[in-house]
Amino acid sequence: MGAMPPIRGADAVLRLRMELARLQHADPFQALGIPPTGGAEEVRNAFLEATKVFHPNKFAAGGVEVRDLASEVFLLIKRAYEQLADETRRKQWQEKLRPAKPGPAPQATGQRSTGPGPLETGGRGPTTTPGATPPATNPVTSPSPSSSAATSSTPPAPSPPGKDSAPAGSNPPGATPGARAPSTSRPAGKGRTTLPGSRVPNTRPPQEVAAMLEAARTRSQRFEDALKTLAQGNFKAAREALHRIAAEDPHSKRYRVQLHYAWGMEHKIEGRAEAAVREFERAVALDPEFADAASELKKLQEQKKGTSILSKLFGR
């Protein structure tokens, strides 16, 4: 992705929203800012650079909206990295994004593939292949009056366009000057078919489609299992499982709320009170009715207030 300036100040919300909109319509290579030919090392370096800019901890001093936007952006970046870190999936994406080789020009409908006819040979009739027996012909005779009349009644061939012929799309003779000539182009709409030789949009590889369908089918069960793991006090394992689920569906508040709560509990038991408070605040901001996160947040805030009072009493 290259070196990126840190996001600070009042424009953090705007920049994060723009980045989120870009990532939602980008393939994994575009999300990390590298070409489709990038290898494993380039993918890793791009992810590390993106982490330095968009990791949620970089926005700890911002408001709730800033932290939530940063979390969504980072989830999409991490999801792109996980797809490209796997060699098999990276090759599938490279094959999908490889530009199609241009094929031969399509033959126009009605084009004749045989030899020149009477018009192309100046009215001399069909040509014969060298060595072939020419067809029998009648001896040349002077034209009779009836044949001359028939010949004269035949309409002349259209003359090639010259300086006296009107260009395509111009007004016909006798039309009002300035009037628009009727268009003969086909209007766009339903029933429009793809022309021969035009590019067909790429589709996802079958393996990726199958993986996405399987993930969607098992997501609810995996979420229930993660909640059971969280209730058993295994906060790290629960957080990792919830992180994968939230990356699959970053717009679901239900998954993100539980992810922030699990992350907060993990920070709390490891002694990182400030980080735990931030995660509980994010969970409560997403779901004010989430009693567990609100209770843990209140405990940590009271603990912090008591510590501050003792520090003032003892001069620390």
C-alpha atoms as a PDB file:
ATOM      1  CA  MET A   1       0.000   0.000   0.000  1.00  0.00           C
ATOM      2  CA  GLY A   2       2.994   2.238   0.445  1.00  0.00           C
ATOM      3  CA  ALA A   3       3.705   4.778   3.157  1.00  0.00           C
ATOM      4  CA  MET A   4       0.509   6.598   4.191  1.00  0.00           C
ATOM      5  CA  PRO A   5       0.210   9.672   6.409  1.00  0.00           C
ATOM      6  CA  PRO A   6      -1.503   9.122   9.763  1.00  0.00           C
ATOM      7  CA  ILE A   7      -5.159  10.120  10.002  1.00  0.00           C
ATOM      8  CA  ARG A   8      -5.670  12.759  12.649  1.00  0.00           C
ATOM      9  CA  GLY A   9      -7.794  15.787  13.317  1.00  0.00           C
ATOM     10  CA  ALA A  10     -11.315  16.752  12.398  1.00  0.00           C
ATOM     11  CA  ASP A  11     -11.207  15.094   8.981  1.00  0.00           C
ATOM     12  CA  ALA A  12     -10.703  11.604  10.448  1.00  0.00           C
ATOM     13  CA  VAL A  13     -14.388  10.683  10.075  1.00  0.00           C
ATOM     14  CA  LEU A  14     -14.502  11.840   6.460  1.00  0.00           C
ATOM     15  CA  ARG A  15     -11.307  10.043   5.485  1.00  0.00           C
ATOM     16  CA  LEU A  16     -12.355   6.841   7.207  1.00  0.00           C
ATOM     17  CA  ARG A  17     -15.745   6.905   5.487  1.00  0.00           C
ATOM     18  CA  MET A  18     -14.067   7.393   2.122  1.00  0.00           C
ATOM     19  CA  GLU A  19     -11.696   4.506   2.812  1.00  0.00           C
ATOM     20  CA  LEU A  20     -14.589   2.298   3.930  1.00  0.00           C
ATOM     21  CA  ALA A  21     -16.519   3.051   0.738  1.00  0.00           C
ATOM     22  CA  ARG A  22     -13.435   2.222  -1.341  1.00  0.00           C
ATOM     23  CA  LEU A  23     -12.804  -1.073   0.425  1.00  0.00           C
ATOM     24  CA  GLN A  24     -16.413  -2.221   0.078  1.00  0.00           C
ATOM     25  CA  HIS A  25     -16.058  -2.218  -3.725  1.00  0.00           C
ATOM     26  CA  ALA A  26     -12.427  -3.348  -4.023  1.00  0.00           C
ATOM     27  CA  ASP A  27     -10.868  -6.733  -4.628  1.00  0.00           C
ATOM     28  CA  PRO A  28      -8.213  -7.898  -2.111  1.00  0.00           C
ATOM     29  CA  PHE A  29      -5.322  -6.535  -4.184  1.00  0.00           C
ATOM     30  CA  GLN A  30      -6.974  -3.132  -4.494  1.00  0.00           C
ATOM     31  CA  ALA A  31      -7.778  -3.156  -0.783  1.00  0.00           C
ATOM     32  CA  LEU A  32      -4.075  -3.525   0.054  1.00  0.00           C
ATOM     33  CA  GLY A  33      -2.976  -1.194  -2.748  1.00  0.00           C
ATOM     34  CA  ILE A  34      -0.768  -3.669  -4.611  1.00  0.00           C
ATOM     35  CA  PRO A  35      -0.876  -4.988  -8.193  1.00  0.00           C
ATOM     36  CA  PRO A  36      -2.442  -8.394  -8.928  1.00  0.00           C
ATOM     37  CA  THR A  37       1.039  -9.767  -9.586  1.00  0.00           C
ATOM     38  CA  GLY A  38       2.116  -9.171  -5.980  1.00  0.00           C
ATOM     39  CA  GLY A  39       3.615 -12.070  -4.052  1.00  0.00           C
ATOM     40  CA  ALA A  40       3.432 -13.149  -0.424  1.00  0.00           C
ATOM     41  CA  GLU A  41       6.106 -10.708   0.774  1.00  0.00           C
ATOM     42  CA  GLU A  42       4.467  -7.765  -0.946  1.00  0.00           C
ATOM     43  CA  VAL A  43       1.100  -8.725   0.536  1.00  0.00           C
ATOM     44  CA  ARG A  44       2.596  -8.905   4.027  1.00  0.00           C
ATOM     45  CA  ASN A  45       4.376  -5.536   3.711  1.00  0.00           C
ATOM     46  CA  ALA A  46       1.231  -3.844   2.407  1.00  0.00           C
ATOM     47  CA  PHE A  47      -0.810  -5.220   5.320  1.00  0.00           C
ATOM     48  CA  LEU A  48       1.755  -3.993   7.851  1.00  0.00           C
ATOM     49  CA  GLU A  49       1.693  -0.516   6.307  1.00  0.00           C
ATOM     50  CA  ALA A  50      -2.116  -0.467   6.412  1.00  0.00           C
ATOM     51  CA  THR A  51      -2.064  -1.624  10.046  1.00  0.00           C
ATOM     52  CA  LYS A  52       0.120   1.342  11.001  1.00  0.00           C
ATOM     53  CA  VAL A  53      -2.558   3.683   9.665  1.00  0.00           C
ATOM     54  CA  PHE A  54      -5.928   1.999  10.236  1.00  0.00           C
ATOM     55  CA  HIS A  55      -5.515  -0.176  13.333  1.00  0.00           C
ATOM     56  CA  PRO A  56      -8.286   0.735  15.814  1.00  0.00           C
ATOM     57  CA  ASN A  57      -5.747   1.444  18.550  1.00  0.00           C
ATOM     58  CA  LYS A  58      -4.495   4.378  16.457  1.00  0.00           C
ATOM     59  CA  PHE A  59      -7.875   6.053  16.997  1.00  0.00           C
ATOM     60  CA  ALA A  60      -8.222   5.413  20.732  1.00  0.00           C
ATOM     61  CA  ALA A  61      -8.329   9.154  21.466  1.00  0.00           C
ATOM     62  CA  GLY A  62     -11.105   9.768  18.925  1.00  0.00           C
ATOM     63  CA  GLY A  63     -14.816   9.638  19.443  1.00  0.00           C
ATOM     64  CA  VAL A  64     -17.015   6.570  19.274  1.00  0.00           C
ATOM     65  CA  GLU A  65     -17.867   7.136  15.602  1.00  0.00           C
ATOM     66  CA  VAL A  66     -14.193   7.390  14.661  1.00  0.00           C
ATOM     67  CA  ARG A  67     -13.306   4.200  16.521  1.00  0.00           C
ATOM     68  CA  ASP A  68     -16.215   2.290  14.971  1.00  0.00           C
ATOM     69  CA  LEU A  69     -15.276   3.417  11.462  1.00  0.00           C
ATOM     70  CA  ALA A  70     -11.659   2.456  12.057  1.00  0.00           C
ATOM     71  CA  SER A  71     -12.746  -0.986  13.265  1.00  0.00           C
ATOM     72  CA  GLU A  72     -14.830  -1.569  10.127  1.00  0.00           C
ATOM     73  CA  VAL A  73     -12.018  -0.395   7.855  1.00  0.00           C
ATOM     74  CA  PHE A  74      -9.481  -2.612   9.589  1.00  0.00           C
ATOM     75  CA  LEU A  75     -11.777  -5.636   9.423  1.00  0.00           C
ATOM     76  CA  LEU A  76     -12.015  -5.283   5.632  1.00  0.00           C
ATOM     77  CA  ILE A  77      -8.248  -4.813   5.323  1.00  0.00           C
ATOM     78  CA  LYS A  78      -7.608  -7.879   7.467  1.00  0.00           C
ATOM     79  CA  ARG A  79     -10.107  -9.883   5.439  1.00  0.00           C
ATOM     80  CA  ALA A  80      -8.280  -8.934   2.217  1.00  0.00           C
ATOM     81  CA  TYR A  81      -4.955  -9.931   3.794  1.00  0.00           C
ATOM     82  CA  GLU A  82      -6.298 -13.312   4.912  1.00  0.00           C
ATOM     83  CA  GLN A  83      -7.470 -14.052   1.369  1.00  0.00           C
ATOM     84  CA  LEU A  84      -4.111 -13.155  -0.184  1.00  0.00           C
ATOM     85  CA  ALA A  85      -1.912 -14.650   2.523  1.00  0.00           C
ATOM     86  CA  ASP A  86      -3.135 -18.086   1.478  1.00  0.00           C
ATOM     87  CA  GLU A  87      -1.203 -19.046  -1.656  1.00  0.00           C
ATOM     88  CA  THR A  88      -4.042 -21.039  -3.217  1.00  0.00           C
ATOM     89  CA  ARG A  89      -6.603 -18.272  -2.798  1.00  0.00           C
ATOM     90  CA  ARG A  90      -4.111 -15.659  -3.981  1.00  0.00           C
ATOM     91  CA  LYS A  91      -3.513 -17.608  -7.207  1.00  0.00           C
ATOM     92  CA  GLN A  92      -7.277 -17.903  -7.699  1.00  0.00           C
ATOM     93  CA  TRP A  93      -7.624 -14.133  -7.430  1.00  0.00           C
ATOM     94  CA  GLN A  94      -4.693 -13.597  -9.798  1.00  0.00           C
ATOM     95  CA  GLU A  95      -6.289 -15.930 -12.336  1.00  0.00           C
ATOM     96  CA  LYS A  96      -9.599 -14.130 -11.960  1.00  0.00           C
ATOM     97  CA  LEU A  97      -8.073 -10.669 -12.427  1.00  0.00           C
ATOM     98  CA  ARG A  98      -5.816 -11.659 -15.312  1.00  0.00           C
ATOM     99  CA  PRO A  99      -6.878  -9.694 -18.434  1.00  0.00           C
ATOM    100  CA  ALA A 100      -8.486 -11.839 -21.118  1.00  0.00           C
ATOM    101  CA  LYS A 101      -6.507 -12.313 -24.343  1.00  0.00           C
ATOM    102  CA  PRO A 102      -8.149 -10.578 -27.311  1.00  0.00           C
ATOM    103  CA  GLY A 103      -9.698 -13.100 -29.713  1.00  0.00           C
ATOM    104  CA  PRO A 104      -9.997 -12.867 -33.504  1.00  0.00           C
ATOM    105  CA  ALA A 105     -12.257 -10.180 -34.903  1.00  0.00           C
ATOM    106  CA  PRO A 106     -15.802 -11.530 -35.379  1.00  0.00           C
ATOM    107  CA  GLN A 107     -17.038 -12.009 -38.920  1.00  0.00           C
ATOM    108  CA  ALA A 108     -19.856  -9.662 -39.823  1.00  0.00           C
ATOM    109  CA  THR A 109     -23.280 -11.202 -40.341  1.00  0.00           C
ATOM    110  CA  GLY A 110     -24.012 -11.809 -43.998  1.00  0.00           C
ATOM    111  CA  GLN A 111     -20.387 -11.512 -45.116  1.00  0.00           C
ATOM    112  CA  ARG A 112     -19.649 -13.786 -48.059  1.00  0.00           C
ATOM    113  CA  SER A 113     -16.648 -16.033 -47.755  1.00  0.00           C
ATOM    114  CA  THR A 114     -16.685 -17.185 -51.393  1.00  0.00           C
ATOM    115  CA  GLY A 115     -14.939 -15.614 -54.341  1.00  0.00           C
ATOM    116  CA  PRO A 116     -15.959 -12.291 -55.922  1.00  0.00           C
ATOM    117  CA  GLY A 117     -19.329 -12.075 -57.635  1.00  0.00           C
ATOM    118  CA  PRO A 118     -20.455 -10.135 -60.660  1.00  0.00           C
ATOM    119  CA  LEU A 119     -20.288  -6.743 -58.946  1.00  0.00           C
ATOM    120  CA  GLU A 120     -16.754  -7.293 -57.666  1.00  0.00           C
ATOM    121  CA  THR A 121     -15.494  -8.553 -61.036  1.00  0.00           C
ATOM    122  CA  GLY A 122     -17.033  -5.694 -63.008  1.00  0.00           C
ATOM    123  CA  GLY A 123     -19.909  -7.798 -64.373  1.00  0.00           C
ATOM    124  CA  ARG A 124     -17.670 -10.425 -65.905  1.00  0.00           C
ATOM    125  CA  GLY A 125     -19.356 -13.225 -63.988  1.00  0.00           C
ATOM    126  CA  PRO A 126     -17.758 -15.768 -61.643  1.00  0.00           C
ATOM    127  CA  THR A 127     -14.088 -16.559 -61.983  1.00  0.00           C
ATOM    128  CA  THR A 128     -12.745 -20.059 -62.432  1.00  0.00           C
ATOM    129  CA  THR A 129      -9.972 -21.820 -60.626  1.00  0.00           C
ATOM    130  CA  PRO A 130      -6.836 -22.432 -62.725  1.00  0.00           C
ATOM    131  CA  GLY A 131      -6.968 -25.990 -64.144  1.00  0.00           C
ATOM    132  CA  ALA A 132     -10.732 -26.357 -63.690  1.00  0.00           C
ATOM    133  CA  THR A 133     -13.018 -27.013 -66.640  1.00  0.00           C
ATOM    134  CA  PRO A 134     -14.870 -23.809 -67.530  1.00  0.00           C
ATOM    135  CA  PRO A 135     -18.669 -24.091 -67.769  1.00  0.00           C
ATOM    136  CA  ALA A 136     -20.270 -24.306 -71.186  1.00  0.00           C
ATOM    137  CA  THR A 137     -21.432 -20.957 -72.523  1.00  0.00           C
ATOM    138  CA  ASN A 138     -23.524 -19.876 -75.472  1.00  0.00           C
ATOM    139  CA  PRO A 139     -21.804 -18.102 -78.338  1.00  0.00           C
ATOM    140  CA  VAL A 140     -21.882 -14.342 -78.155  1.00  0.00           C
ATOM    141  CA  THR A 141     -24.768 -12.933 -80.123  1.00  0.00           C
ATOM    142  CA  SER A 142     -26.012  -9.445 -80.668  1.00  0.00           C
ATOM    143  CA  PRO A 143     -28.622  -8.437 -78.154  1.00  0.00           C
ATOM    144  CA  SER A 144     -32.199  -8.626 -79.256  1.00  0.00           C
ATOM    145  CA  PRO A 145     -34.658  -5.756 -78.750  1.00  0.00           C
ATOM    146  CA  SER A 146     -36.443  -7.704 -75.979  1.00  0.00           C
ATOM    147  CA  SER A 147     -33.232  -8.332 -74.095  1.00  0.00           C
ATOM    148  CA  SER A 148     -32.279  -4.660 -74.491  1.00  0.00           C
ATOM    149  CA  ALA A 149     -35.628  -3.645 -73.036  1.00  0.00           C
ATOM    150  CA  ALA A 150     -35.202  -6.036 -70.135  1.00  0.00           C
ATOM    151  CA  THR A 151     -31.726  -4.711 -69.506  1.00  0.00           C
ATOM    152  CA  SER A 152     -32.891  -1.120 -69.573  1.00  0.00           C
ATOM    153  CA  SER A 153     -35.712  -1.886 -67.126  1.00  0.00           C
ATOM    154  CA  THR A 154     -33.254  -3.218 -64.519  1.00  0.00           C
ATOM    155  CA  PRO A 155     -32.618  -0.521 -61.873  1.00  0.00           C
ATOM    156  CA  PRO A 156     -29.030   0.730 -61.881  1.00  0.00           C
ATOM    157  CA  ALA A 157     -26.694  -0.283 -59.073  1.00  0.00           C
ATOM    158  CA  PRO A 158     -26.330   2.282 -56.302  1.00  0.00           C
ATOM    159  CA  SER A 159     -23.493   4.684 -56.967  1.00  0.00           C
ATOM    160  CA  PRO A 160     -20.689   4.953 -54.380  1.00  0.00           C
ATOM    161  CA  PRO A 161     -20.928   7.893 -52.020  1.00  0.00           C
ATOM    162  CA  GLY A 162     -19.290  10.979 -53.428  1.00  0.00           C
ATOM    163  CA  LYS A 163     -19.310  14.677 -52.879  1.00  0.00           C
ATOM    164  CA  ASP A 164     -22.926  14.947 -54.063  1.00  0.00           C
ATOM    165  CA  SER A 165     -24.285  12.229 -51.750  1.00  0.00           C
ATOM    166  CA  ALA A 166     -25.662  13.179 -48.341  1.00  0.00           C
ATOM    167  CA  PRO A 167     -23.776  11.897 -45.284  1.00  0.00           C
ATOM    168  CA  ALA A 168     -25.358   9.346 -42.988  1.00  0.00           C
ATOM    169  CA  GLY A 169     -27.775  10.858 -40.513  1.00  0.00           C
ATOM    170  CA  SER A 170     -28.305  14.102 -42.534  1.00  0.00           C
ATOM    171  CA  ASN A 171     -31.678  15.437 -43.589  1.00  0.00           C
ATOM    172  CA  PRO A 172     -33.177  13.922 -46.767  1.00  0.00           C
ATOM    173  CA  PRO A 173     -33.803  16.179 -49.740  1.00  0.00           C
ATOM    174  CA  GLY A 174     -36.817  18.398 -49.238  1.00  0.00           C
ATOM    175  CA  ALA A 175     -36.724  18.160 -45.439  1.00  0.00           C
ATOM    176  CA  THR A 176     -36.950  21.233 -43.272  1.00  0.00           C
ATOM    177  CA  PRO A 177     -33.467  22.698 -42.638  1.00  0.00           C
ATOM    178  CA  GLY A 178     -32.323  22.104 -39.075  1.00  0.00           C
ATOM    179  CA  ALA A 179     -34.727  19.200 -38.485  1.00  0.00           C
ATOM    180  CA  ARG A 180     -33.109  16.214 -36.821  1.00  0.00           C
ATOM    181  CA  ALA A 181     -32.946  13.095 -38.935  1.00  0.00           C
ATOM    182  CA  PRO A 182     -34.504   9.994 -37.383  1.00  0.00           C
ATOM    183  CA  SER A 183     -31.957   7.830 -35.598  1.00  0.00           C
ATOM    184  CA  THR A 184     -31.531   4.260 -36.743  1.00  0.00           C
ATOM    185  CA  SER A 185     -29.515   3.121 -33.736  1.00  0.00           C
ATOM    186  CA  ARG A 186     -31.037   0.564 -31.462  1.00  0.00           C
ATOM    187  CA  PRO A 187     -32.158   2.027 -28.108  1.00  0.00           C
ATOM    188  CA  ALA A 188     -30.669   0.587 -24.991  1.00  0.00           C
ATOM    189  CA  GLY A 189     -33.015  -1.336 -22.772  1.00  0.00           C
ATOM    190  CA  LYS A 190     -34.281  -4.763 -21.934  1.00  0.00           C
ATOM    191  CA  GLY A 191     -33.482  -7.509 -24.347  1.00  0.00           C
ATOM    192  CA  ARG A 192     -30.161  -6.023 -25.365  1.00  0.00           C
ATOM    193  CA  THR A 193     -27.745  -8.787 -26.256  1.00  0.00           C
ATOM    194  CA  THR A 194     -23.972  -8.823 -25.905  1.00  0.00           C
ATOM    195  CA  LEU A 195     -22.206  -8.153 -29.178  1.00  0.00           C
ATOM    196  CA  PRO A 196     -19.657 -10.697 -30.434  1.00  0.00           C
ATOM    197  CA  GLY A 197     -16.184  -9.889 -29.173  1.00  0.00           C
ATOM    198  CA  SER A 198     -17.361  -7.709 -26.256  1.00  0.00           C
ATOM    199  CA  ARG A 199     -15.990  -8.429 -22.786  1.00  0.00           C
ATOM    200  CA  VAL A 200     -18.111 -10.430 -20.380  1.00  0.00           C
ATOM    201  CA  PRO A 201     -17.796  -9.431 -16.686  1.00  0.00           C
ATOM    202  CA  ASN A 202     -15.607 -11.758 -14.663  1.00  0.00           C
ATOM    203  CA  THR A 203     -17.313 -14.073 -12.213  1.00  0.00           C
ATOM    204  CA  ARG A 204     -16.016 -15.433  -8.941  1.00  0.00           C
ATOM    205  CA  PRO A 205     -14.153 -18.749  -9.055  1.00  0.00           C
ATOM    206  CA  PRO A 206     -16.342 -21.724  -8.151  1.00  0.00           C
ATOM    207  CA  GLN A 207     -14.110 -22.557  -5.192  1.00  0.00           C
ATOM    208  CA  GLU A 208     -14.564 -19.084  -3.719  1.00  0.00           C
ATOM    209  CA  VAL A 209     -18.326 -19.173  -4.239  1.00  0.00           C
ATOM    210  CA  ALA A 210     -18.509 -22.547  -2.515  1.00  0.00           C
ATOM    211  CA  ALA A 211     -16.414 -21.248   0.399  1.00  0.00           C
ATOM    212  CA  MET A 212     -18.625 -18.173   0.800  1.00  0.00           C
ATOM    213  CA  LEU A 213     -21.792 -20.251   0.748  1.00  0.00           C
ATOM    214  CA  GLU A 214     -20.364 -22.661   3.308  1.00  0.00           C
ATOM    215  CA  ALA A 215     -19.308 -19.769   5.563  1.00  0.00           C
ATOM    216  CA  ALA A 216     -22.784 -18.212   5.335  1.00  0.00           C
ATOM    217  CA  ARG A 217     -24.432 -21.560   6.052  1.00  0.00           C
ATOM    218  CA  THR A 218     -22.381 -22.243   9.205  1.00  0.00           C
ATOM    219  CA  ARG A 219     -22.119 -18.641  10.473  1.00  0.00           C
ATOM    220  CA  SER A 220     -25.012 -18.848  12.931  1.00  0.00           C
ATOM    221  CA  GLN A 221     -23.732 -22.072  14.474  1.00  0.00           C
ATOM    222  CA  ARG A 222     -20.188 -20.732  14.712  1.00  0.00           C
ATOM    223  CA  PHE A 223     -21.540 -17.597  16.383  1.00  0.00           C
ATOM    224  CA  GLU A 224     -23.377 -19.668  18.982  1.00  0.00           C
ATOM    225  CA  ASP A 225     -20.224 -21.690  19.637  1.00  0.00           C
ATOM    226  CA  ALA A 226     -18.225 -18.465  20.069  1.00  0.00           C
ATOM    227  CA  LEU A 227     -20.760 -17.183  22.621  1.00  0.00           C
ATOM    228  CA  LYS A 228     -20.449 -20.440  24.573  1.00  0.00           C
ATOM    229  CA  THR A 229     -16.659 -20.105  24.546  1.00  0.00           C
ATOM    230  CA  LEU A 230     -17.038 -16.503  25.752  1.00  0.00           C
ATOM    231  CA  ALA A 231     -19.338 -17.592  28.606  1.00  0.00           C
ATOM    232  CA  GLN A 232     -16.756 -20.205  29.675  1.00  0.00           C
ATOM    233  CA  GLY A 233     -14.162 -17.450  30.161  1.00  0.00           C
ATOM    234  CA  ASN A 234     -11.926 -18.390  27.224  1.00  0.00           C
ATOM    235  CA  PHE A 235     -11.889 -14.802  25.990  1.00  0.00           C
ATOM    236  CA  LYS A 236      -8.980 -15.051  23.559  1.00  0.00           C
ATOM    237  CA  ALA A 237     -10.425 -18.019  21.649  1.00  0.00           C
ATOM    238  CA  ALA A 238     -13.861 -16.363  21.622  1.00  0.00           C
ATOM    239  CA  ARG A 239     -12.376 -13.109  20.355  1.00  0.00           C
ATOM    240  CA  GLU A 240     -10.548 -14.881  17.522  1.00  0.00           C
ATOM    241  CA  ALA A 241     -13.703 -16.743  16.452  1.00  0.00           C
ATOM    242  CA  LEU A 242     -15.830 -13.584  16.632  1.00  0.00           C
ATOM    243  CA  HIS A 243     -13.206 -11.669  14.680  1.00  0.00           C
ATOM    244  CA  ARG A 244     -13.457 -14.138  11.792  1.00  0.00           C
ATOM    245  CA  ILE A 245     -17.258 -13.991  11.845  1.00  0.00           C
ATOM    246  CA  ALA A 246     -17.309 -10.179  11.937  1.00  0.00           C
ATOM    247  CA  ALA A 247     -14.859 -10.057   9.029  1.00  0.00           C
ATOM    248  CA  GLU A 248     -17.284 -12.144   6.966  1.00  0.00           C
ATOM    249  CA  ASP A 249     -20.151  -9.748   7.726  1.00  0.00           C
ATOM    250  CA  PRO A 250     -18.704  -6.409   8.919  1.00  0.00           C
ATOM    251  CA  HIS A 251     -22.089  -4.642   8.775  1.00  0.00           C
ATOM    252  CA  SER A 252     -23.684  -6.837  11.445  1.00  0.00           C
ATOM    253  CA  LYS A 253     -23.789  -4.987  14.778  1.00  0.00           C
ATOM    254  CA  ARG A 254     -24.613  -8.199  16.615  1.00  0.00           C
ATOM    255  CA  TYR A 255     -21.253  -9.728  15.729  1.00  0.00           C
ATOM    256  CA  ARG A 256     -19.301  -6.519  16.364  1.00  0.00           C
ATOM    257  CA  VAL A 257     -20.866  -5.952  19.785  1.00  0.00           C
ATOM    258  CA  GLN A 258     -19.806  -9.387  20.992  1.00  0.00           C
ATOM    259  CA  LEU A 259     -16.371  -8.934  19.424  1.00  0.00           C
ATOM    260  CA  HIS A 260     -15.759  -5.680  21.343  1.00  0.00           C
ATOM    261  CA  TYR A 261     -16.999  -7.283  24.556  1.00  0.00           C
ATOM    262  CA  ALA A 262     -14.711 -10.300  24.144  1.00  0.00           C
ATOM    263  CA  TRP A 263     -11.793  -8.012  23.336  1.00  0.00           C
ATOM    264  CA  GLY A 264     -12.558  -5.905  26.410  1.00  0.00           C
ATOM    265  CA  MET A 265     -12.617  -8.949  28.685  1.00  0.00           C
ATOM    266  CA  GLU A 266      -9.335 -10.157  27.222  1.00  0.00           C
ATOM    267  CA  HIS A 267      -7.733  -6.764  27.911  1.00  0.00           C
ATOM    268  CA  LYS A 268      -9.191  -6.708  31.427  1.00  0.00           C
ATOM    269  CA  ILE A 269      -7.826 -10.081  32.570  1.00  0.00           C
ATOM    270  CA  GLU A 270      -4.421  -9.198  31.122  1.00  0.00           C
ATOM    271  CA  GLY A 271      -4.256  -5.923  33.058  1.00  0.00           C
ATOM    272  CA  ARG A 272      -4.857  -3.473  30.205  1.00  0.00           C
ATOM    273  CA  ALA A 273      -7.610  -1.433  31.833  1.00  0.00           C
ATOM    274  CA  GLU A 274      -7.505   1.513  29.420  1.00  0.00           C
ATOM    275  CA  ALA A 275      -7.825  -0.744  26.372  1.00  0.00           C
ATOM    276  CA  ALA A 276     -10.645  -2.673  28.080  1.00  0.00           C
ATOM    277  CA  VAL A 277     -12.568   0.562  28.745  1.00  0.00           C
ATOM    278  CA  ARG A 278     -12.311   1.525  25.074  1.00  0.00           C
ATOM    279  CA  GLU A 279     -13.663  -1.837  23.909  1.00  0.00           C
ATOM    280  CA  PHE A 280     -16.553  -1.775  26.402  1.00  0.00           C
ATOM    281  CA  GLU A 281     -17.405   1.776  25.302  1.00  0.00           C
ATOM    282  CA  ARG A 282     -17.558   0.619  21.685  1.00  0.00           C
ATOM    283  CA  ALA A 283     -19.829  -2.285  22.609  1.00  0.00           C
ATOM    284  CA  VAL A 284     -22.195  -0.010  24.572  1.00  0.00           C
ATOM    285  CA  ALA A 285     -22.211   2.555  21.751  1.00  0.00           C
ATOM    286  CA  LEU A 286     -23.335  -0.121  19.299  1.00  0.00           C
ATOM    287  CA  ASP A 287     -25.906  -1.612  21.664  1.00  0.00           C
ATOM    288  CA  PRO A 288     -26.851   0.509  24.708  1.00  0.00           C
ATOM    289  CA  GLU A 289     -29.004  -2.389  25.979  1.00  0.00           C
ATOM    290  CA  PHE A 290     -26.005  -4.733  26.244  1.00  0.00           C
ATOM    291  CA  ALA A 291     -25.962  -5.099  30.039  1.00  0.00           C
ATOM    292  CA  ASP A 292     -22.746  -7.140  30.344  1.00  0.00           C
ATOM    293  CA  ALA A 293     -20.610  -4.554  28.586  1.00  0.00           C
ATOM    294  CA  ALA A 294     -22.280  -1.680  30.467  1.00  0.00           C
ATOM    295  CA  SER A 295     -21.646  -3.417  33.809  1.00  0.00           C
ATOM    296  CA  GLU A 296     -17.972  -4.087  33.069  1.00  0.00           C
ATOM    297  CA  LEU A 297     -17.510  -0.514  31.866  1.00  0.00           C
ATOM    298  CA  LYS A 298     -19.053   0.869  35.058  1.00  0.00           C
ATOM    299  CA  LYS A 299     -16.786  -1.288  37.223  1.00  0.00           C
ATOM    300  CA  LEU A 300     -13.647  -0.144  35.435  1.00  0.00           C
ATOM    301  CA  GLN A 301     -14.680   3.503  35.568  1.00  0.00           C
ATOM    302  CA  GLU A 302     -15.363   3.296  39.326  1.00  0.00           C
ATOM    303  CA  GLN A 303     -12.056   1.501  39.819  1.00  0.00           C
ATOM    304  CA  LYS A 304     -10.256   4.216  37.899  1.00  0.00           C
ATOM    305  CA  LYS A 305     -12.003   6.921  39.938  1.00  0.00           C
ATOM    306  CA  GLY A 306     -11.049   5.215  43.218  1.00  0.00           C
ATOM    307  CA  THR A 307      -7.436   4.903  42.106  1.00  0.00           C
ATOM    308  CA  SER A 308      -7.375   8.594  41.220  1.00  0.00           C
ATOM    309  CA  ILE A 309      -8.724   9.568  44.670  1.00  0.00           C
ATOM    310  CA  LEU A 310      -6.100   7.441  46.463  1.00  0.00           C
ATOM    311  CA  SER A 311      -3.380   8.938  44.341  1.00  0.00           C
ATOM    312  CA  LYS A 312      -4.444  12.436  45.377  1.00  0.00           C
ATOM    313  CA  LEU A 313      -4.631  11.475  49.081  1.00  0.00           C
ATOM    314  CA  PHE A 314      -1.157   9.945  49.136  1.00  0.00           C
ATOM    315  CA  GLY A 315       0.384  12.495  46.828  1.00  0.00           C
ATOM    316  CA  ARG A 316       1.088  10.144  43.961  1.00  0.00           C
END
